[in-house]
């Protein structure tokens, strides 16, 4: 169990450091097949865009948020995959639009 706790602590520390040190943030959203809307905040890290916050607004109106303070729950988790706006089905949005959803 100690290994799992150590790994979790390292993951939290990584995402927290990215969030706290970010000088450039990118914001996106996209719709999924079930009618949910996903909102993403990503920062550059080692040549990739790493998601540090994501929020899902389900078609039923429920909001699920993930970031370094809350990595996962029974509904989902913060993605561990870098994103590529050129290839992923994402639409850039203003930071204010992301914050409006995130702060609900």
PDB file of N, CA and C in Angstrom:
ATOM      1  N   UNK A   1       0.816  -1.192   0.000  1.00  0.00           N
ATOM      2  CA  UNK A   1       0.000   0.000   0.000  1.00  0.00           C
ATOM      3  C   UNK A   1       0.864   1.261   0.000  1.00  0.00           C
ATOM      4  N   UNK A   2       2.018   1.212   0.617  1.00  0.00           N
ATOM      5  CA  UNK A   2       2.899   2.374   0.682  1.00  0.00           C
ATOM      6  C   UNK A   2       3.335   2.818  -0.714  1.00  0.00           C
ATOM      7  N   UNK A   3       3.546   1.865  -1.629  1.00  0.00           N
ATOM      8  CA  UNK A   3       3.934   2.219  -2.994  1.00  0.00           C
ATOM      9  C   UNK A   3       2.831   2.996  -3.689  1.00  0.00           C
ATOM     10  N   UNK A   4       1.583   2.574  -3.527  1.00  0.00           N
ATOM     11  CA  UNK A   4       0.453   3.266  -4.142  1.00  0.00           C
ATOM     12  C   UNK A   4       0.329   4.687  -3.583  1.00  0.00           C
ATOM     13  N   UNK A   5       0.501   4.840  -2.297  1.00  0.00           N
ATOM     14  CA  UNK A   5       0.442   6.173  -1.679  1.00  0.00           C
ATOM     15  C   UNK A   5       1.575   7.061  -2.185  1.00  0.00           C
ATOM     16  N   UNK A   6       2.759   6.500  -2.324  1.00  0.00           N
ATOM     17  CA  UNK A   6       3.907   7.262  -2.830  1.00  0.00           C
ATOM     18  C   UNK A   6       3.663   7.692  -4.276  1.00  0.00           C
ATOM     19  N   UNK A   7       3.176   6.788  -5.091  1.00  0.00           N
ATOM     20  CA  UNK A   7       2.898   7.101  -6.500  1.00  0.00           C
ATOM     21  C   UNK A   7       1.822   8.178  -6.606  1.00  0.00           C
ATOM     22  N   UNK A   8       0.762   8.042  -5.821  1.00  0.00           N
ATOM     23  CA  UNK A   8      -0.302   9.044  -5.820  1.00  0.00           C
ATOM     24  C   UNK A   8       0.247  10.399  -5.398  1.00  0.00           C
ATOM     25  N   UNK A   9       1.083  10.431  -4.366  1.00  0.00           N
ATOM     26  CA  UNK A   9       1.678  11.683  -3.905  1.00  0.00           C
ATOM     27  C   UNK A   9       2.553  12.311  -4.996  1.00  0.00           C
ATOM     28  N   UNK A  10       3.285  11.501  -5.741  1.00  0.00           N
ATOM     29  CA  UNK A  10       4.123  12.011  -6.825  1.00  0.00           C
ATOM     30  C   UNK A  10       3.275  12.593  -7.950  1.00  0.00           C
ATOM     31  N   UNK A  11       2.159  11.932  -8.278  1.00  0.00           N
ATOM     32  CA  UNK A  11       1.266  12.419  -9.325  1.00  0.00           C
ATOM     33  C   UNK A  11       0.642  13.751  -8.912  1.00  0.00           C
ATOM     34  N   UNK A  12       0.162  13.810  -7.681  1.00  0.00           N
ATOM     35  CA  UNK A  12      -0.414  15.060  -7.171  1.00  0.00           C
ATOM     36  C   UNK A  12       0.629  16.172  -7.216  1.00  0.00           C
ATOM     37  N   UNK A  13       1.837  15.893  -6.768  1.00  0.00           N
ATOM     38  CA  UNK A  13       2.897  16.903  -6.757  1.00  0.00           C
ATOM     39  C   UNK A  13       3.222  17.389  -8.170  1.00  0.00           C
ATOM     40  N   UNK A  14       3.232  16.489  -9.141  1.00  0.00           N
ATOM     41  CA  UNK A  14       3.510  16.859 -10.537  1.00  0.00           C
ATOM     42  C   UNK A  14       2.451  17.829 -11.064  1.00  0.00           C
ATOM     43  N   UNK A  15       1.169  17.460 -10.941  1.00  0.00           N
ATOM     44  CA  UNK A  15       0.096  18.313 -11.458  1.00  0.00           C
ATOM     45  C   UNK A  15       0.005  19.628 -10.686  1.00  0.00           C
ATOM     46  N   UNK A  16       0.253  19.585  -9.390  1.00  0.00           N
ATOM     47  CA  UNK A  16       0.226  20.811  -8.584  1.00  0.00           C
ATOM     48  C   UNK A  16       1.334  21.762  -9.033  1.00  0.00           C
ATOM     49  N   UNK A  17       2.525  21.230  -9.233  1.00  0.00           N
ATOM     50  CA  UNK A  17       3.646  22.061  -9.672  1.00  0.00           C
ATOM     51  C   UNK A  17       3.359  22.696 -11.028  1.00  0.00           C
ATOM     52  N   UNK A  18       2.787  21.923 -11.945  1.00  0.00           N
ATOM     53  CA  UNK A  18       2.432  22.488 -13.250  1.00  0.00           C
ATOM     54  C   UNK A  18       1.419  23.609 -13.103  1.00  0.00           C
ATOM     55  N   UNK A  19       0.412  23.394 -12.279  1.00  0.00           N
ATOM     56  CA  UNK A  19      -0.644  24.391 -12.084  1.00  0.00           C
ATOM     57  C   UNK A  19      -0.078  25.660 -11.451  1.00  0.00           C
ATOM     58  N   UNK A  20       0.704  25.510 -10.418  1.00  0.00           N
ATOM     59  CA  UNK A  20       1.208  26.671  -9.687  1.00  0.00           C
ATOM     60  C   UNK A  20       2.275  27.452 -10.449  1.00  0.00           C
ATOM     61  N   UNK A  21       3.019  26.796 -11.330  1.00  0.00           N
ATOM     62  CA  UNK A  21       4.102  27.461 -12.058  1.00  0.00           C
ATOM     63  C   UNK A  21       3.690  27.932 -13.454  1.00  0.00           C
ATOM     64  N   UNK A  22       2.501  27.610 -13.877  1.00  0.00           N
ATOM     65  CA  UNK A  22       2.083  27.905 -15.252  1.00  0.00           C
ATOM     66  C   UNK A  22       2.076  29.400 -15.539  1.00  0.00           C
ATOM     67  N   UNK A  23       2.726  29.762 -16.627  1.00  0.00           N
ATOM     68  CA  UNK A  23       2.686  31.139 -17.092  1.00  0.00           C
ATOM     69  C   UNK A  23       1.844  31.245 -18.360  1.00  0.00           C
ATOM     70  N   UNK A  24       1.576  30.111 -18.972  1.00  0.00           N
ATOM     71  CA  UNK A  24       0.756  30.068 -20.182  1.00  0.00           C
ATOM     72  C   UNK A  24      -0.259  28.944 -20.018  1.00  0.00           C
ATOM     73  N   UNK A  25      -1.526  29.279 -20.188  1.00  0.00           N
ATOM     74  CA  UNK A  25      -2.599  28.296 -20.062  1.00  0.00           C
ATOM     75  C   UNK A  25      -3.436  28.302 -21.337  1.00  0.00           C
ATOM     76  N   UNK A  26      -3.903  27.116 -21.712  1.00  0.00           N
ATOM     77  CA  UNK A  26      -4.748  26.963 -22.897  1.00  0.00           C
ATOM     78  C   UNK A  26      -6.067  26.344 -22.445  1.00  0.00           C
ATOM     79  N   UNK A  27      -7.150  26.786 -23.064  1.00  0.00           N
ATOM     80  CA  UNK A  27      -8.478  26.316 -22.664  1.00  0.00           C
ATOM     81  C   UNK A  27      -9.238  25.820 -23.882  1.00  0.00           C
ATOM     82  N   UNK A  28      -9.915  24.683 -23.689  1.00  0.00           N
ATOM     83  CA  UNK A  28     -10.635  24.039 -24.779  1.00  0.00           C
ATOM     84  C   UNK A  28     -11.936  23.451 -24.262  1.00  0.00           C
ATOM     85  N   UNK A  29     -12.815  23.133 -25.203  1.00  0.00           N
ATOM     86  CA  UNK A  29     -13.964  22.308 -24.864  1.00  0.00           C
ATOM     87  C   UNK A  29     -14.287  21.410 -26.049  1.00  0.00           C
ATOM     88  N   UNK A  30     -15.065  20.373 -25.764  1.00  0.00           N
ATOM     89  CA  UNK A  30     -15.586  19.508 -26.825  1.00  0.00           C
ATOM     90  C   UNK A  30     -16.783  18.760 -26.288  1.00  0.00           C
ATOM     91  N   UNK A  31     -17.609  18.291 -27.203  1.00  0.00           N
ATOM     92  CA  UNK A  31     -18.799  17.514 -26.846  1.00  0.00           C
ATOM     93  C   UNK A  31     -18.501  16.035 -27.051  1.00  0.00           C
ATOM     94  N   UNK A  32     -19.031  15.197 -26.161  1.00  0.00           N
ATOM     95  CA  UNK A  32     -18.858  13.755 -26.342  1.00  0.00           C
ATOM     96  C   UNK A  32     -20.104  13.150 -26.989  1.00  0.00           C
ATOM     97  N   UNK A  33     -20.040  11.854 -27.244  1.00  0.00           N
ATOM     98  CA  UNK A  33     -21.123  11.159 -27.944  1.00  0.00           C
ATOM     99  C   UNK A  33     -22.423  11.120 -27.154  1.00  0.00           C
ATOM    100  N   UNK A  34     -22.347  11.236 -25.832  1.00  0.00           N
ATOM    101  CA  UNK A  34     -23.539  11.167 -24.980  1.00  0.00           C
ATOM    102  C   UNK A  34     -24.163  12.537 -24.732  1.00  0.00           C
ATOM    103  N   UNK A  35     -23.613  13.584 -25.346  1.00  0.00           N
ATOM    104  CA  UNK A  35     -24.156  14.923 -25.163  1.00  0.00           C
ATOM    105  C   UNK A  35     -23.524  15.693 -24.026  1.00  0.00           C
ATOM    106  N   UNK A  36     -22.477  15.144 -23.420  1.00  0.00           N
ATOM    107  CA  UNK A  36     -21.769  15.862 -22.372  1.00  0.00           C
ATOM    108  C   UNK A  36     -20.789  16.852 -22.973  1.00  0.00           C
ATOM    109  N   UNK A  37     -20.441  17.859 -22.198  1.00  0.00           N
ATOM    110  CA  UNK A  37     -19.458  18.854 -22.625  1.00  0.00           C
ATOM    111  C   UNK A  37     -18.238  18.760 -21.716  1.00  0.00           C
ATOM    112  N   UNK A  38     -17.080  18.742 -22.321  1.00  0.00           N
ATOM    113  CA  UNK A  38     -15.818  18.665 -21.589  1.00  0.00           C
ATOM    114  C   UNK A  38     -15.083  19.990 -21.716  1.00  0.00           C
ATOM    115  N   UNK A  39     -14.586  20.493 -20.589  1.00  0.00           N
ATOM    116  CA  UNK A  39     -13.821  21.736 -20.537  1.00  0.00           C
ATOM    117  C   UNK A  39     -12.443  21.395 -19.997  1.00  0.00           C
ATOM    118  N   UNK A  40     -11.405  21.911 -20.662  1.00  0.00           N
ATOM    119  CA  UNK A  40     -10.040  21.514 -20.358  1.00  0.00           C
ATOM    120  C   UNK A  40      -9.147  22.744 -20.199  1.00  0.00           C
ATOM    121  N   UNK A  41      -8.282  22.694 -19.178  1.00  0.00           N
ATOM    122  CA  UNK A  41      -7.207  23.670 -19.033  1.00  0.00           C
ATOM    123  C   UNK A  41      -5.902  22.894 -19.140  1.00  0.00           C
ATOM    124  N   UNK A  42      -5.030  23.329 -20.050  1.00  0.00           N
ATOM    125  CA  UNK A  42      -3.775  22.617 -20.285  1.00  0.00           C
ATOM    126  C   UNK A  42      -2.614  23.611 -20.277  1.00  0.00           C
ATOM    127  N   UNK A  43      -1.448  23.098 -19.911  1.00  0.00           N
ATOM    128  CA  UNK A  43      -0.231  23.912 -19.882  1.00  0.00           C
ATOM    129  C   UNK A  43       0.883  23.176 -20.615  1.00  0.00           C
ATOM    130  N   UNK A  44       1.809  23.935 -21.200  1.00  0.00           N
ATOM    131  CA  UNK A  44       2.936  23.280 -21.864  1.00  0.00           C
ATOM    132  C   UNK A  44       3.895  22.652 -20.846  1.00  0.00           C
ATOM    133  N   UNK A  45       4.361  21.460 -21.173  1.00  0.00           N
ATOM    134  CA  UNK A  45       5.373  20.787 -20.358  1.00  0.00           C
ATOM    135  C   UNK A  45       6.164  19.849 -21.253  1.00  0.00           C
ATOM    136  N   UNK A  46       7.442  20.108 -21.377  1.00  0.00           N
ATOM    137  CA  UNK A  46       8.343  19.265 -22.171  1.00  0.00           C
ATOM    138  C   UNK A  46       7.830  19.019 -23.587  1.00  0.00           C
ATOM    139  N   UNK A  47       7.353  20.079 -24.236  1.00  0.00           N
ATOM    140  CA  UNK A  47       6.922  19.974 -25.630  1.00  0.00           C
ATOM    141  C   UNK A  47       5.518  19.442 -25.845  1.00  0.00           C
ATOM    142  N   UNK A  48       4.776  19.212 -24.777  1.00  0.00           N
ATOM    143  CA  UNK A  48       3.413  18.709 -24.899  1.00  0.00           C
ATOM    144  C   UNK A  48       2.458  19.617 -24.130  1.00  0.00           C
ATOM    145  N   UNK A  49       1.172  19.508 -24.445  1.00  0.00           N
ATOM    146  CA  UNK A  49       0.148  20.197 -23.666  1.00  0.00           C
ATOM    147  C   UNK A  49      -0.437  19.193 -22.684  1.00  0.00           C
ATOM    148  N   UNK A  50      -0.214  19.445 -21.407  1.00  0.00           N
ATOM    149  CA  UNK A  50      -0.654  18.549 -20.345  1.00  0.00           C
ATOM    150  C   UNK A  50      -1.906  19.131 -19.695  1.00  0.00           C
ATOM    151  N   UNK A  51      -2.935  18.312 -19.589  1.00  0.00           N
ATOM    152  CA  UNK A  51      -4.183  18.740 -18.960  1.00  0.00           C
ATOM    153  C   UNK A  51      -3.972  18.803 -17.452  1.00  0.00           C
ATOM    154  N   UNK A  52      -4.255  19.976 -16.858  1.00  0.00           N
ATOM    155  CA  UNK A  52      -4.115  20.108 -15.406  1.00  0.00           C
ATOM    156  C   UNK A  52      -5.472  20.240 -14.720  1.00  0.00           C
ATOM    157  N   UNK A  53      -6.496  20.602 -15.498  1.00  0.00           N
ATOM    158  CA  UNK A  53      -7.859  20.658 -14.964  1.00  0.00           C
ATOM    159  C   UNK A  53      -8.812  20.247 -16.067  1.00  0.00           C
ATOM    160  N   UNK A  54      -9.823  19.486 -15.693  1.00  0.00           N
ATOM    161  CA  UNK A  54     -10.867  19.165 -16.656  1.00  0.00           C
ATOM    162  C   UNK A  54     -12.194  19.083 -15.920  1.00  0.00           C
ATOM    163  N   UNK A  55     -13.224  19.517 -16.609  1.00  0.00           N
ATOM    164  CA  UNK A  55     -14.572  19.486 -16.051  1.00  0.00           C
ATOM    165  C   UNK A  55     -15.496  18.870 -17.092  1.00  0.00           C
ATOM    166  N   UNK A  56     -16.352  17.967 -16.638  1.00  0.00           N
ATOM    167  CA  UNK A  56     -17.351  17.377 -17.519  1.00  0.00           C
ATOM    168  C   UNK A  56     -18.726  17.829 -17.046  1.00  0.00           C
ATOM    169  N   UNK A  57     -19.470  18.450 -17.943  1.00  0.00           N
ATOM    170  CA  UNK A  57     -20.856  18.803 -17.691  1.00  0.00           C
ATOM    171  C   UNK A  57     -21.682  17.774 -18.451  1.00  0.00           C
ATOM    172  N   UNK A  58     -22.289  16.839 -17.712  1.00  0.00           N
ATOM    173  CA  UNK A  58     -23.009  15.746 -18.356  1.00  0.00           C
ATOM    174  C   UNK A  58     -24.294  16.246 -19.004  1.00  0.00           C
ATOM    175  N   UNK A  59     -24.856  15.427 -19.880  1.00  0.00           N
ATOM    176  CA  UNK A  59     -26.114  15.790 -20.532  1.00  0.00           C
ATOM    177  C   UNK A  59     -27.240  15.922 -19.509  1.00  0.00           C
ATOM    178  N   UNK A  60     -27.081  15.307 -18.335  1.00  0.00           N
ATOM    179  CA  UNK A  60     -28.071  15.415 -17.257  1.00  0.00           C
ATOM    180  C   UNK A  60     -27.825  16.655 -16.385  1.00  0.00           C
ATOM    181  N   UNK A  61     -26.783  17.436 -16.708  1.00  0.00           N
ATOM    182  CA  UNK A  61     -26.503  18.658 -15.974  1.00  0.00           C
ATOM    183  C   UNK A  61     -25.594  18.502 -14.767  1.00  0.00           C
ATOM    184  N   UNK A  62     -25.023  17.317 -14.563  1.00  0.00           N
ATOM    185  CA  UNK A  62     -24.090  17.111 -13.441  1.00  0.00           C
ATOM    186  C   UNK A  62     -22.691  17.566 -13.845  1.00  0.00           C
ATOM    187  N   UNK A  63     -21.985  18.146 -12.899  1.00  0.00           N
ATOM    188  CA  UNK A  63     -20.636  18.640 -13.142  1.00  0.00           C
ATOM    189  C   UNK A  63     -19.638  17.800 -12.359  1.00  0.00           C
ATOM    190  N   UNK A  64     -18.636  17.290 -13.060  1.00  0.00           N
ATOM    191  CA  UNK A  64     -17.538  16.544 -12.436  1.00  0.00           C
ATOM    192  C   UNK A  64     -16.256  17.292 -12.763  1.00  0.00           C
ATOM    193  N   UNK A  65     -15.467  17.601 -11.717  1.00  0.00           N
ATOM    194  CA  UNK A  65     -14.216  18.346 -11.890  1.00  0.00           C
ATOM    195  C   UNK A  65     -13.034  17.513 -11.411  1.00  0.00           C
ATOM    196  N   UNK A  66     -11.933  17.628 -12.166  1.00  0.00           N
ATOM    197  CA  UNK A  66     -10.718  16.900 -11.816  1.00  0.00           C
ATOM    198  C   UNK A  66      -9.507  17.814 -11.970  1.00  0.00           C
ATOM    199  N   UNK A  67      -8.610  17.728 -11.027  1.00  0.00           N
ATOM    200  CA  UNK A  67      -7.367  18.475 -11.029  1.00  0.00           C
ATOM    201  C   UNK A  67      -6.487  17.872  -9.942  1.00  0.00           C
ATOM    202  N   UNK A  68      -5.400  18.556  -9.582  1.00  0.00           N
ATOM    203  CA  UNK A  68      -4.486  17.954  -8.602  1.00  0.00           C
ATOM    204  C   UNK A  68      -5.109  17.805  -7.225  1.00  0.00           C
ATOM    205  N   UNK A  69      -6.125  18.590  -6.906  1.00  0.00           N
ATOM    206  CA  UNK A  69      -6.782  18.453  -5.601  1.00  0.00           C
ATOM    207  C   UNK A  69      -7.782  17.303  -5.571  1.00  0.00           C
ATOM    208  N   UNK A  70      -8.213  16.861  -6.738  1.00  0.00           N
ATOM    209  CA  UNK A  70      -9.216  15.784  -6.844  1.00  0.00           C
ATOM    210  C   UNK A  70      -8.951  15.049  -8.157  1.00  0.00           C
ATOM    211  N   UNK A  71      -8.079  14.042  -8.103  1.00  0.00           N
ATOM    212  CA  UNK A  71      -7.654  13.347  -9.315  1.00  0.00           C
ATOM    213  C   UNK A  71      -8.708  12.428  -9.908  1.00  0.00           C
ATOM    214  N   UNK A  72      -9.487  11.771  -9.050  1.00  0.00           N
ATOM    215  CA  UNK A  72     -10.453  10.804  -9.580  1.00  0.00           C
ATOM    216  C   UNK A  72     -11.559  10.523  -8.583  1.00  0.00           C
ATOM    217  N   UNK A  73     -12.633   9.977  -9.102  1.00  0.00           N
ATOM    218  CA  UNK A  73     -13.746   9.512  -8.281  1.00  0.00           C
ATOM    219  C   UNK A  73     -14.484   8.435  -9.069  1.00  0.00           C
ATOM    220  N   UNK A  74     -15.657   8.054  -8.602  1.00  0.00           N
ATOM    221  CA  UNK A  74     -16.395   6.971  -9.262  1.00  0.00           C
ATOM    222  C   UNK A  74     -16.904   7.345 -10.649  1.00  0.00           C
ATOM    223  N   UNK A  75     -16.860   8.635 -11.014  1.00  0.00           N
ATOM    224  CA  UNK A  75     -17.356   9.086 -12.317  1.00  0.00           C
ATOM    225  C   UNK A  75     -16.256   9.207 -13.369  1.00  0.00           C
ATOM    226  N   UNK A  76     -15.009   9.386 -12.933  1.00  0.00           N
ATOM    227  CA  UNK A  76     -13.924   9.555 -13.889  1.00  0.00           C
ATOM    228  C   UNK A  76     -12.653  10.013 -13.222  1.00  0.00           C
ATOM    229  N   UNK A  77     -11.741  10.537 -14.044  1.00  0.00           N
ATOM    230  CA  UNK A  77     -10.452  10.978 -13.516  1.00  0.00           C
ATOM    231  C   UNK A  77      -9.818  11.987 -14.461  1.00  0.00           C
ATOM    232  N   UNK A  78      -8.816  12.687 -13.936  1.00  0.00           N
ATOM    233  CA  UNK A  78      -8.027  13.604 -14.748  1.00  0.00           C
ATOM    234  C   UNK A  78      -7.252  12.776 -15.766  1.00  0.00           C
ATOM    235  N   UNK A  79      -7.333  13.175 -17.020  1.00  0.00           N
ATOM    236  CA  UNK A  79      -6.631  12.416 -18.051  1.00  0.00           C
ATOM    237  C   UNK A  79      -5.123  12.434 -17.807  1.00  0.00           C
ATOM    238  N   UNK A  80      -4.480  11.357 -18.170  1.00  0.00           N
ATOM    239  CA  UNK A  80      -3.022  11.298 -18.065  1.00  0.00           C
ATOM    240  C   UNK A  80      -2.380  11.382 -19.447  1.00  0.00           C
ATOM    241  N   UNK A  81      -3.189  11.731 -20.449  1.00  0.00           N
ATOM    242  CA  UNK A  81      -2.700  11.829 -21.820  1.00  0.00           C
ATOM    243  C   UNK A  81      -2.534  13.290 -22.219  1.00  0.00           C
ATOM    244  N   UNK A  82      -1.413  13.608 -22.844  1.00  0.00           N
ATOM    245  CA  UNK A  82      -1.227  14.948 -23.391  1.00  0.00           C
ATOM    246  C   UNK A  82      -2.236  15.145 -24.518  1.00  0.00           C
ATOM    247  N   UNK A  83      -2.576  16.400 -24.784  1.00  0.00           N
ATOM    248  CA  UNK A  83      -3.514  16.675 -25.867  1.00  0.00           C
ATOM    249  C   UNK A  83      -2.792  17.341 -27.025  1.00  0.00           C
ATOM    250  N   UNK A  84      -3.372  17.200 -28.205  1.00  0.00           N
ATOM    251  CA  UNK A  84      -2.855  17.823 -29.415  1.00  0.00           C
ATOM    252  C   UNK A  84      -4.023  18.518 -30.098  1.00  0.00           C
ATOM    253  N   UNK A  85      -4.144  19.832 -29.943  1.00  0.00           N
ATOM    254  CA  UNK A  85      -5.271  20.557 -30.527  1.00  0.00           C
ATOM    255  C   UNK A  85      -5.378  20.404 -32.044  1.00  0.00           C
ATOM    256  N   UNK A  86      -4.268  20.064 -32.692  1.00  0.00           N
ATOM    257  CA  UNK A  86      -4.290  19.849 -34.143  1.00  0.00           C
ATOM    258  C   UNK A  86      -5.003  18.549 -34.506  1.00  0.00           C
ATOM    259  N   UNK A  87      -4.946  17.565 -33.624  1.00  0.00           N
ATOM    260  CA  UNK A  87      -5.502  16.252 -33.929  1.00  0.00           C
ATOM    261  C   UNK A  87      -6.708  15.885 -33.082  1.00  0.00           C
ATOM    262  N   UNK A  88      -6.783  16.369 -31.846  1.00  0.00           N
ATOM    263  CA  UNK A  88      -7.909  16.044 -30.969  1.00  0.00           C
ATOM    264  C   UNK A  88      -9.098  16.942 -31.311  1.00  0.00           C
ATOM    265  N   UNK A  89     -10.319  16.430 -31.123  1.00  0.00           N
ATOM    266  CA  UNK A  89     -11.517  17.223 -31.465  1.00  0.00           C
ATOM    267  C   UNK A  89     -11.810  18.290 -30.402  1.00  0.00           C
ATOM    268  N   UNK A  90     -10.974  19.310 -30.361  1.00  0.00           N
ATOM    269  CA  UNK A  90     -11.075  20.357 -29.345  1.00  0.00           C
ATOM    270  C   UNK A  90     -11.301  21.714 -29.999  1.00  0.00           C
ATOM    271  N   UNK A  91     -12.048  22.554 -29.304  1.00  0.00           N
ATOM    272  CA  UNK A  91     -12.245  23.924 -29.755  1.00  0.00           C
ATOM    273  C   UNK A  91     -11.685  24.850 -28.687  1.00  0.00           C
ATOM    274  N   UNK A  92     -10.818  25.766 -29.097  1.00  0.00           N
ATOM    275  CA  UNK A  92     -10.248  26.732 -28.150  1.00  0.00           C
ATOM    276  C   UNK A  92     -11.355  27.647 -27.633  1.00  0.00           C
ATOM    277  N   UNK A  93     -11.292  27.958 -26.342  1.00  0.00           N
ATOM    278  CA  UNK A  93     -12.269  28.847 -25.718  1.00  0.00           C
ATOM    279  C   UNK A  93     -11.528  29.865 -24.864  1.00  0.00           C
ATOM    280  N   UNK A  94     -12.177  30.984 -24.539  1.00  0.00           N
ATOM    281  CA  UNK A  94     -11.540  31.960 -23.640  1.00  0.00           C
ATOM    282  C   UNK A  94     -11.398  31.397 -22.229  1.00  0.00           C
ATOM    283  N   UNK A  95     -10.391  31.866 -21.518  1.00  0.00           N
ATOM    284  CA  UNK A  95     -10.163  31.428 -20.133  1.00  0.00           C
ATOM    285  C   UNK A  95     -11.394  31.675 -19.273  1.00  0.00           C
ATOM    286  N   UNK A  96     -12.087  32.770 -19.522  1.00  0.00           N
ATOM    287  CA  UNK A  96     -13.271  33.110 -18.726  1.00  0.00           C
ATOM    288  C   UNK A  96     -14.374  32.060 -18.871  1.00  0.00           C
ATOM    289  N   UNK A  97     -14.518  31.505 -20.057  1.00  0.00           N
ATOM    290  CA  UNK A  97     -15.532  30.460 -20.268  1.00  0.00           C
ATOM    291  C   UNK A  97     -15.181  29.216 -19.459  1.00  0.00           C
ATOM    292  N   UNK A  98     -13.901  28.846 -19.474  1.00  0.00           N
ATOM    293  CA  UNK A  98     -13.479  27.704 -18.674  1.00  0.00           C
ATOM    294  C   UNK A  98     -13.730  27.979 -17.195  1.00  0.00           C
ATOM    295  N   UNK A  99     -13.305  29.147 -16.711  1.00  0.00           N
ATOM    296  CA  UNK A  99     -13.445  29.481 -15.289  1.00  0.00           C
ATOM    297  C   UNK A  99     -14.903  29.511 -14.848  1.00  0.00           C
ATOM    298  N   UNK A 100     -15.782  29.956 -15.724  1.00  0.00           N
ATOM    299  CA  UNK A 100     -17.208  29.983 -15.378  1.00  0.00           C
ATOM    300  C   UNK A 100     -17.724  28.575 -15.064  1.00  0.00           C
ATOM    301  N   UNK A 101     -17.334  27.615 -15.870  1.00  0.00           N
ATOM    302  CA  UNK A 101     -17.746  26.220 -15.624  1.00  0.00           C
ATOM    303  C   UNK A 101     -17.007  25.669 -14.407  1.00  0.00           C
ATOM    304  N   UNK A 102     -15.706  25.871 -14.342  1.00  0.00           N
ATOM    305  CA  UNK A 102     -14.892  25.324 -13.252  1.00  0.00           C
ATOM    306  C   UNK A 102     -15.371  25.800 -11.890  1.00  0.00           C
ATOM    307  N   UNK A 103     -15.796  27.059 -11.796  1.00  0.00           N
ATOM    308  CA  UNK A 103     -16.184  27.645 -10.518  1.00  0.00           C
ATOM    309  C   UNK A 103     -17.647  27.430 -10.144  1.00  0.00           C
ATOM    310  N   UNK A 104     -18.384  26.703 -10.926  1.00  0.00           N
ATOM    311  CA  UNK A 104     -19.809  26.441 -10.607  1.00  0.00           C
ATOM    312  C   UNK A 104     -19.943  25.748  -9.285  1.00  0.00           C
TER     313      UNK A 104
END
